[in-house]
Amino acid sequence: MTTIYNLSIAANATLNMHSLNNEGGEGNQIQTRVVTIADSEGRLHSVNAISGDMLKHIQAEHLYYLAKGDADLPLCKACAIFDANRMSADPDFQQFLKGKPTPVQVVDRLLTCTLDDLEGNLVTQGNQSVPRKSVVEFGWAIGIPESVSTEQYFHVKYDPDRREIPTEKKERSGNLGQAIFHRPANSGQYAIIASVEASRIGFNDISQSYAAGVNREKRLKALLESLLYTFVQPSGAMRNTQNPHIVDVRGALSYSTAPAPAPLISPLNGDFATEMQQVADAMNVIHQDRIQVLPFGSLAELAQIMQTLIADAQPYTFTL
């Protein structure tokens, strides 16, 4: 078995003609997300990006479908219908909070649900302020400067009577008649980073103890599988007609087998995979063979690496 304490993925992904994440709309024009970043030499660039919130939602949805119907991956009543509020929207949990439980008891209750354990929650009901930090973390998927482009495209919804704008208020509000709109499409290379704190699966950070009855190994396998599916099928906005063309995914996966961070350097740095290996080499001098770095040159190679880990991995367990 391969023991995983911390796992990180840095990937340079080439996506074409997608609109996975937008700011909203002004009139009949959808506005794509644009962020300002600094390159390795400190120069500023404005580039298209996909928020970490969107990436995590994609991963959480894949995890939800893996857990649904699996007795070893229980879900609370709210997560069973993929409620974004997670256990906070569970009537049984709301009743539980009326008994004024301690923060330790609140976290222990959250750990009974696979999604609340792995994706995190913040309980503020009943004068509580109890966080459950997520086990999985994402950064923004950031367009690499000079390697990403956004264009606006004209679209029209055909209507047989060919009226450009509905004249009746009822038709306008009901999305009737011919509609004209502009929609963005983004193409280019994106820097994606993600991290998994496998040792914290089923772990109560307040009491510093593991919850009873949690199948930690099964949760880790499901989490890694959902992380892989995030790259294989990146869900998001406008996929019904702008399903992204996944051209290439390359980078490096690192993991530690005992307490030590798995090296993670952004693909915004062109030498990220080499530097991750160099950091691992230095850390392995401190603790021999504690860090592994596995480069991948395609999505297929990443899938093979993840498949091996899913079949063989177990989460690191703190000695309490």
Foldseek 3Di string as FASTA:
>chain_A
DFAFQKKKFKKKWWKWFFQFAFPQDDDQETHFDWDWDAFPVGDIDIFGWAAQVLLVVQLLVLLLVVLAPDPQQAAAPCVNVPNVQGPLPHPVVLVVCVVVDDLLVNVLVLLVHLCCQAQWHFDPPPNDTHTRDHQKGWGMFTFQPPFKDKDKDKDKDDDVVPDAADPDPVCNVVVHDMYIHIYMTMTGITIIMMMGRLQSRQARPVVRHGHPPHPSLLSVLSSLVSNLVCLVAVHGPPCVPRRIDTDWMWGKMKGFNDPDYQDDDIVSPVCGLVVSVVVVVVVCVVPPPGMDMGTDGGSVRVVVVSVVCSVDYGYDYDDD
